[in-house]
C-alpha cells in the first residue's frame, strides 16, 4: 500500500502543478486579449470598460485555479512523506477531484480507494 500512497502523492503534485500552470496560461491569454482590445479600441471611447472586465474575469479565474491547485500540491507532499495531515488533506482533495471530469474523477476515486483502506491508515501511524 505504501507504493499506492506514493503514487497518489506524486499524481496530486502533478495535478496541482498543472493547475498552477493553467492559471498562468489564463493570465497570459487574458493579458493578450486585453492588449488587443486596448490596441484596437478607439481612443475616443472613455472609459474603456472591456479591458477592466476582462482583467477582473481573468484574475478571478486564475485565483480560482490556484486556490484549487495548491491544496493538491500540499496534500501530495504530505502523502509522499507519510504525514497524517497529508492523509486527511488527501481525502478532502480527492473529494474535490471527483468534480473534475474525467481525469480528476479517476484521480479522486483512486485517492479515496487508497486513503480509506485499513492498510493505508496503518502506513500513517507513527513508527
N, C-alpha and C. Protein backbone atom coordinates (compact mmCIF):
# COMPACT_ATOMS: atom_id res chain seq x y z
N UNK A 1 0.83 -1.20 0.00
CA UNK A 1 0.00 0.00 0.00
C UNK A 1 0.87 1.26 0.00
N UNK A 2 2.09 1.15 0.53
CA UNK A 2 2.98 2.30 0.54
C UNK A 2 3.23 2.85 -0.86
N UNK A 3 3.36 1.92 -1.82
CA UNK A 3 3.60 2.35 -3.20
C UNK A 3 2.40 3.12 -3.76
N UNK A 4 1.19 2.68 -3.45
CA UNK A 4 -0.01 3.39 -3.90
C UNK A 4 -0.07 4.80 -3.29
N UNK A 5 0.32 4.92 -2.05
CA UNK A 5 0.30 6.23 -1.39
C UNK A 5 1.30 7.17 -2.05
N UNK A 6 2.49 6.66 -2.35
CA UNK A 6 3.48 7.49 -3.02
C UNK A 6 3.02 7.90 -4.42
N UNK A 7 2.45 6.97 -5.16
CA UNK A 7 1.94 7.28 -6.50
C UNK A 7 0.84 8.32 -6.41
N UNK A 8 -0.06 8.17 -5.45
CA UNK A 8 -1.14 9.14 -5.27
C UNK A 8 -0.57 10.52 -4.93
N UNK A 9 0.44 10.56 -4.09
CA UNK A 9 1.08 11.82 -3.74
C UNK A 9 1.69 12.50 -4.96
N UNK A 10 2.40 11.73 -5.77
CA UNK A 10 3.02 12.27 -6.97
C UNK A 10 1.95 12.75 -7.95
N UNK A 11 0.88 11.99 -8.12
CA UNK A 11 -0.20 12.40 -9.03
C UNK A 11 -0.86 13.69 -8.55
N UNK A 12 -1.01 13.84 -7.25
CA UNK A 12 -1.59 15.08 -6.72
C UNK A 12 -0.66 16.26 -6.96
N UNK A 13 0.64 16.06 -6.78
CA UNK A 13 1.59 17.14 -7.04
C UNK A 13 1.55 17.53 -8.51
N UNK A 14 1.53 16.55 -9.40
CA UNK A 14 1.49 16.84 -10.84
C UNK A 14 0.19 17.54 -11.21
N UNK A 15 -0.92 17.06 -10.69
CA UNK A 15 -2.22 17.67 -10.98
C UNK A 15 -2.27 19.12 -10.47
N UNK A 16 -1.76 19.34 -9.28
CA UNK A 16 -1.72 20.69 -8.74
C UNK A 16 -0.82 21.61 -9.53
N UNK A 17 0.34 21.08 -9.96
CA UNK A 17 1.26 21.89 -10.76
C UNK A 17 0.64 22.25 -12.11
N UNK A 18 -0.09 21.31 -12.70
CA UNK A 18 -0.77 21.61 -13.96
C UNK A 18 -1.85 22.68 -13.75
N UNK A 19 -2.51 22.65 -12.60
CA UNK A 19 -3.49 23.68 -12.30
C UNK A 19 -2.86 25.06 -12.17
N UNK A 20 -1.69 25.12 -11.53
CA UNK A 20 -0.99 26.41 -11.41
C UNK A 20 -0.53 26.88 -12.79
N UNK A 21 -0.04 25.96 -13.62
CA UNK A 21 0.34 26.33 -14.98
C UNK A 21 -0.89 26.80 -15.77
N UNK A 22 -2.04 26.18 -15.54
CA UNK A 22 -3.28 26.63 -16.17
C UNK A 22 -3.64 28.04 -15.75
N UNK A 23 -3.42 28.36 -14.49
CA UNK A 23 -3.69 29.72 -14.00
C UNK A 23 -2.77 30.73 -14.69
N UNK A 24 -1.51 30.36 -14.86
CA UNK A 24 -0.59 31.25 -15.56
C UNK A 24 -0.98 31.41 -17.03
N UNK A 25 -1.45 30.33 -17.64
CA UNK A 25 -1.91 30.41 -19.03
C UNK A 25 -3.14 31.31 -19.15
N UNK A 26 -4.04 31.21 -18.19
CA UNK A 26 -5.22 32.08 -18.20
C UNK A 26 -4.80 33.54 -18.11
N UNK A 27 -3.86 33.83 -17.22
CA UNK A 27 -3.38 35.21 -17.10
C UNK A 27 -2.74 35.68 -18.39
N UNK A 28 -1.97 34.82 -19.04
CA UNK A 28 -1.32 35.20 -20.29
C UNK A 28 -2.35 35.44 -21.40
N UNK A 29 -3.33 34.55 -21.51
CA UNK A 29 -4.34 34.70 -22.56
C UNK A 29 -5.18 35.95 -22.33
N UNK A 30 -5.65 36.13 -21.12
CA UNK A 30 -6.46 37.31 -20.84
C UNK A 30 -5.63 38.59 -20.97
N UNK A 31 -4.37 38.54 -20.59
CA UNK A 31 -3.50 39.71 -20.77
C UNK A 31 -3.32 40.04 -22.24
N UNK A 32 -3.16 39.01 -23.08
CA UNK A 32 -3.04 39.24 -24.51
C UNK A 32 -4.32 39.81 -25.11
N UNK A 33 -5.45 39.27 -24.68
CA UNK A 33 -6.73 39.78 -25.17
C UNK A 33 -6.93 41.23 -24.72
N UNK A 34 -6.56 41.53 -23.50
CA UNK A 34 -6.68 42.92 -23.02
C UNK A 34 -5.80 43.84 -23.87
N UNK A 35 -4.60 43.38 -24.18
CA UNK A 35 -3.71 44.18 -25.02
C UNK A 35 -4.29 44.41 -26.40
N UNK A 36 -4.90 43.38 -26.97
CA UNK A 36 -5.51 43.52 -28.30
C UNK A 36 -6.69 44.48 -28.24
N UNK A 37 -7.53 44.35 -27.21
CA UNK A 37 -8.69 45.25 -27.07
C UNK A 37 -8.22 46.68 -26.89
N UNK A 38 -7.20 46.88 -26.09
CA UNK A 38 -6.67 48.23 -25.87
C UNK A 38 -6.11 48.82 -27.16
N UNK A 39 -5.41 47.99 -27.94
CA UNK A 39 -4.78 48.49 -29.16
C UNK A 39 -5.79 48.79 -30.26
N UNK A 40 -6.88 48.05 -30.29
CA UNK A 40 -7.85 48.23 -31.38
C UNK A 40 -9.01 49.13 -31.02
N UNK A 41 -9.17 49.47 -29.76
CA UNK A 41 -10.31 50.31 -29.40
C UNK A 41 -10.00 51.77 -29.73
N UNK A 42 -11.01 52.50 -30.20
CA UNK A 42 -10.79 53.93 -30.49
C UNK A 42 -10.53 54.69 -29.19
N UNK A 43 -9.65 55.66 -29.28
CA UNK A 43 -9.26 56.41 -28.09
C UNK A 43 -10.37 57.33 -27.61
N UNK A 44 -11.37 57.57 -28.45
CA UNK A 44 -12.47 58.43 -28.03
C UNK A 44 -13.39 57.72 -27.04
N UNK A 45 -13.27 56.38 -26.95
CA UNK A 45 -14.11 55.61 -26.04
C UNK A 45 -13.56 55.74 -24.62
N UNK A 46 -14.27 56.51 -23.80
CA UNK A 46 -13.77 56.74 -22.44
C UNK A 46 -14.90 56.56 -21.47
N UNK A 47 -14.85 55.82 -20.44
CA UNK A 47 -13.76 54.93 -20.03
C UNK A 47 -13.86 53.59 -20.75
N UNK A 48 -12.74 52.93 -20.89
CA UNK A 48 -12.70 51.62 -21.54
C UNK A 48 -13.13 50.57 -20.53
N UNK A 49 -14.31 50.02 -20.72
CA UNK A 49 -14.88 49.07 -19.77
C UNK A 49 -14.41 47.65 -20.05
N UNK A 50 -14.28 47.30 -21.32
CA UNK A 50 -13.94 45.93 -21.69
C UNK A 50 -12.63 45.44 -21.07
N UNK A 51 -11.56 46.21 -21.14
CA UNK A 51 -10.31 45.71 -20.52
C UNK A 51 -10.44 45.50 -19.01
N UNK A 52 -11.20 46.35 -18.36
CA UNK A 52 -11.37 46.19 -16.91
C UNK A 52 -12.14 44.92 -16.59
N UNK A 53 -13.18 44.66 -17.36
CA UNK A 53 -13.98 43.44 -17.14
C UNK A 53 -13.13 42.20 -17.43
N UNK A 54 -12.38 42.24 -18.52
CA UNK A 54 -11.52 41.10 -18.85
C UNK A 54 -10.46 40.88 -17.77
N UNK A 55 -9.93 41.94 -17.22
CA UNK A 55 -8.92 41.80 -16.17
C UNK A 55 -9.52 41.17 -14.92
N UNK A 56 -10.72 41.57 -14.56
CA UNK A 56 -11.36 41.01 -13.36
C UNK A 56 -11.70 39.54 -13.58
N UNK A 57 -12.26 39.22 -14.75
CA UNK A 57 -12.64 37.82 -15.03
C UNK A 57 -11.40 36.94 -15.10
N UNK A 58 -10.38 37.37 -15.81
CA UNK A 58 -9.15 36.59 -15.92
C UNK A 58 -8.46 36.41 -14.58
N UNK A 59 -8.41 37.48 -13.80
CA UNK A 59 -7.79 37.38 -12.47
C UNK A 59 -8.56 36.46 -11.55
N UNK A 60 -9.89 36.54 -11.60
CA UNK A 60 -10.72 35.67 -10.75
C UNK A 60 -10.55 34.20 -11.14
N UNK A 61 -10.51 33.92 -12.43
CA UNK A 61 -10.30 32.53 -12.87
C UNK A 61 -8.93 32.02 -12.45
N UNK A 62 -7.92 32.85 -12.58
CA UNK A 62 -6.57 32.43 -12.19
C UNK A 62 -6.50 32.16 -10.69
N UNK A 63 -7.11 33.03 -9.90
CA UNK A 63 -7.11 32.84 -8.45
C UNK A 63 -7.86 31.56 -8.09
N UNK A 64 -8.98 31.30 -8.76
CA UNK A 64 -9.74 30.07 -8.50
C UNK A 64 -8.89 28.84 -8.81
N UNK A 65 -8.20 28.86 -9.95
CA UNK A 65 -7.35 27.72 -10.30
C UNK A 65 -6.25 27.51 -9.25
N UNK A 66 -5.65 28.59 -8.79
CA UNK A 66 -4.57 28.47 -7.80
C UNK A 66 -5.13 27.96 -6.47
N UNK A 67 -6.30 28.48 -6.07
CA UNK A 67 -6.90 28.04 -4.80
C UNK A 67 -7.28 26.56 -4.82
N UNK A 68 -7.61 26.03 -5.99
CA UNK A 68 -7.94 24.62 -6.09
C UNK A 68 -6.70 23.74 -6.30
N UNK A 69 -5.61 24.33 -6.77
CA UNK A 69 -4.42 23.55 -7.10
C UNK A 69 -3.42 23.45 -5.96
N UNK A 70 -3.26 24.50 -5.20
CA UNK A 70 -2.26 24.49 -4.12
C UNK A 70 -2.56 23.41 -3.07
N UNK A 71 -3.82 23.21 -2.65
CA UNK A 71 -4.06 22.12 -1.69
C UNK A 71 -3.68 20.75 -2.23
N UNK A 72 -3.82 20.54 -3.53
CA UNK A 72 -3.40 19.26 -4.10
C UNK A 72 -1.89 19.08 -4.00
N UNK A 73 -1.15 20.15 -4.23
CA UNK A 73 0.31 20.08 -4.11
C UNK A 73 0.71 19.80 -2.67
N UNK A 74 0.10 20.51 -1.74
CA UNK A 74 0.42 20.33 -0.31
C UNK A 74 0.05 18.91 0.14
N UNK A 75 -1.12 18.44 -0.28
CA UNK A 75 -1.54 17.07 0.08
C UNK A 75 -0.58 16.05 -0.52
N UNK A 76 -0.15 16.27 -1.75
CA UNK A 76 0.79 15.35 -2.39
C UNK A 76 2.11 15.28 -1.63
N UNK A 77 2.60 16.41 -1.19
CA UNK A 77 3.84 16.42 -0.40
C UNK A 77 3.64 15.68 0.91
N UNK A 78 2.51 15.90 1.57
CA UNK A 78 2.22 15.20 2.81
C UNK A 78 2.08 13.70 2.61
N UNK A 79 1.50 13.29 1.48
CA UNK A 79 1.35 11.86 1.21
C UNK A 79 2.69 11.20 0.91
N UNK A 80 3.53 11.86 0.16
CA UNK A 80 4.84 11.29 -0.17
C UNK A 80 5.69 11.14 1.09
N UNK A 81 5.50 12.05 2.05
CA UNK A 81 6.26 11.99 3.30
C UNK A 81 5.54 11.21 4.40
N UNK A 82 4.39 10.61 4.09
CA UNK A 82 3.60 9.81 5.02
C UNK A 82 3.24 10.58 6.29
N UNK A 83 2.76 11.80 6.12
CA UNK A 83 2.28 12.60 7.25
C UNK A 83 0.79 12.37 7.41
N UNK A 84 0.32 12.29 8.65
CA UNK A 84 -1.09 12.03 8.89
C UNK A 84 -1.96 13.17 8.37
N UNK A 85 -1.50 14.42 8.51
CA UNK A 85 -2.27 15.55 7.98
C UNK A 85 -2.37 15.46 6.46
N UNK A 86 -1.36 14.87 5.81
CA UNK A 86 -1.40 14.68 4.36
C UNK A 86 -2.48 13.70 3.95
N UNK A 87 -2.69 12.69 4.79
CA UNK A 87 -3.76 11.73 4.51
C UNK A 87 -5.12 12.40 4.63
N UNK A 88 -5.33 13.20 5.66
CA UNK A 88 -6.61 13.87 5.86
C UNK A 88 -6.85 14.87 4.72
N UNK A 89 -5.84 15.68 4.40
CA UNK A 89 -5.98 16.64 3.31
C UNK A 89 -6.14 15.91 1.98
N UNK A 90 -5.50 14.76 1.84
CA UNK A 90 -5.63 13.96 0.62
C UNK A 90 -7.06 13.48 0.40
N UNK A 91 -7.74 13.12 1.47
CA UNK A 91 -9.14 12.71 1.35
C UNK A 91 -9.99 13.89 0.89
N UNK A 92 -9.77 15.06 1.47
CA UNK A 92 -10.54 16.25 1.09
C UNK A 92 -10.27 16.61 -0.37
N UNK A 93 -9.00 16.59 -0.77
CA UNK A 93 -8.64 16.92 -2.15
C UNK A 93 -9.20 15.88 -3.12
N UNK A 94 -9.21 14.62 -2.71
CA UNK A 94 -9.77 13.57 -3.56
C UNK A 94 -11.26 13.78 -3.81
N UNK A 95 -11.97 14.21 -2.78
CA UNK A 95 -13.39 14.52 -2.96
C UNK A 95 -13.56 15.67 -3.94
N UNK A 96 -12.71 16.69 -3.84
CA UNK A 96 -12.78 17.81 -4.78
C UNK A 96 -12.40 17.37 -6.20
N UNK A 97 -11.46 16.45 -6.32
CA UNK A 97 -11.07 15.94 -7.64
C UNK A 97 -12.23 15.24 -8.33
N UNK A 98 -13.12 14.66 -7.57
CA UNK A 98 -14.25 13.94 -8.18
C UNK A 98 -15.08 14.84 -9.09
N UNK A 99 -15.08 16.13 -8.82
CA UNK A 99 -15.87 17.07 -9.63
C UNK A 99 -15.21 17.41 -10.95
N UNK A 100 -13.95 17.09 -11.11
CA UNK A 100 -13.18 17.44 -12.31
C UNK A 100 -13.18 16.26 -13.28
N UNK A 101 -14.22 16.18 -14.10
CA UNK A 101 -14.40 15.07 -15.03
C UNK A 101 -13.49 15.24 -16.24
N UNK A 102 -12.89 14.24 -16.80
CA UNK A 102 -12.83 12.83 -16.47
C UNK A 102 -11.60 12.44 -15.66
N UNK A 103 -10.48 13.18 -15.83
CA UNK A 103 -9.23 12.75 -15.18
C UNK A 103 -9.27 12.95 -13.67
N UNK A 104 -9.83 14.07 -13.23
CA UNK A 104 -9.94 14.31 -11.81
C UNK A 104 -10.84 13.30 -11.12
N UNK A 105 -11.88 12.87 -11.83
CA UNK A 105 -12.77 11.86 -11.25
C UNK A 105 -12.02 10.56 -11.01
N UNK A 106 -11.20 10.17 -11.98
CA UNK A 106 -10.40 8.95 -11.81
C UNK A 106 -9.39 9.11 -10.68
N UNK A 107 -8.74 10.27 -10.62
CA UNK A 107 -7.77 10.51 -9.55
C UNK A 107 -8.46 10.56 -8.19
N UNK A 108 -9.62 11.19 -8.12
CA UNK A 108 -10.36 11.26 -6.86
C UNK A 108 -10.80 9.89 -6.37
N UNK A 109 -11.31 9.07 -7.30
CA UNK A 109 -11.74 7.72 -6.92
C UNK A 109 -10.55 6.88 -6.46
N UNK A 110 -9.43 6.99 -7.17
CA UNK A 110 -8.22 6.28 -6.78
C UNK A 110 -7.75 6.74 -5.40
N UNK A 111 -7.78 8.06 -5.18
CA UNK A 111 -7.35 8.61 -3.90
C UNK A 111 -8.22 8.14 -2.75
N UNK A 112 -9.52 8.12 -2.96
CA UNK A 112 -10.42 7.65 -1.90
C UNK A 112 -10.22 6.16 -1.64
N UNK A 113 -9.97 5.39 -2.69
CA UNK A 113 -9.73 3.96 -2.52
C UNK A 113 -8.45 3.73 -1.72
N UNK A 114 -7.40 4.45 -2.08
CA UNK A 114 -6.11 4.26 -1.40
C UNK A 114 -6.18 4.72 0.05
N UNK A 115 -6.74 5.91 0.28
CA UNK A 115 -6.66 6.51 1.61
C UNK A 115 -7.70 5.99 2.59
N UNK A 116 -8.72 5.29 2.11
CA UNK A 116 -9.75 4.79 3.03
C UNK A 116 -9.50 3.35 3.47
N UNK A 117 -8.47 2.71 2.95
CA UNK A 117 -8.22 1.32 3.35
C UNK A 117 -7.56 1.26 4.73
N UNK A 118 -7.74 0.15 5.39
CA UNK A 118 -7.14 -0.04 6.72
C UNK A 118 -5.62 -0.09 6.64
N UNK A 119 -5.09 -0.70 5.58
CA UNK A 119 -3.63 -0.77 5.43
C UNK A 119 -3.04 0.62 5.21
N UNK A 120 -3.80 1.50 4.60
CA UNK A 120 -3.34 2.87 4.42
C UNK A 120 -3.28 3.59 5.77
N UNK A 121 -4.28 3.39 6.59
CA UNK A 121 -4.26 4.01 7.92
C UNK A 121 -3.06 3.56 8.73
N UNK A 122 -2.70 2.29 8.61
CA UNK A 122 -1.56 1.75 9.33
C UNK A 122 -0.26 2.38 8.84
N UNK A 123 -0.20 2.72 7.54
CA UNK A 123 1.03 3.30 6.97
C UNK A 123 1.30 4.69 7.54
N UNK A 124 0.26 5.36 8.01
CA UNK A 124 0.43 6.72 8.54
C UNK A 124 0.60 6.76 10.05
N UNK A 125 0.58 5.63 10.71
CA UNK A 125 0.81 5.60 12.16
C UNK A 125 2.27 5.91 12.43
N UNK A 126 2.55 6.55 13.58
CA UNK A 126 3.95 6.83 13.94
C UNK A 126 4.74 5.54 14.06
N UNK A 127 5.95 5.57 13.56
CA UNK A 127 6.79 4.36 13.57
C UNK A 127 7.84 4.41 14.63
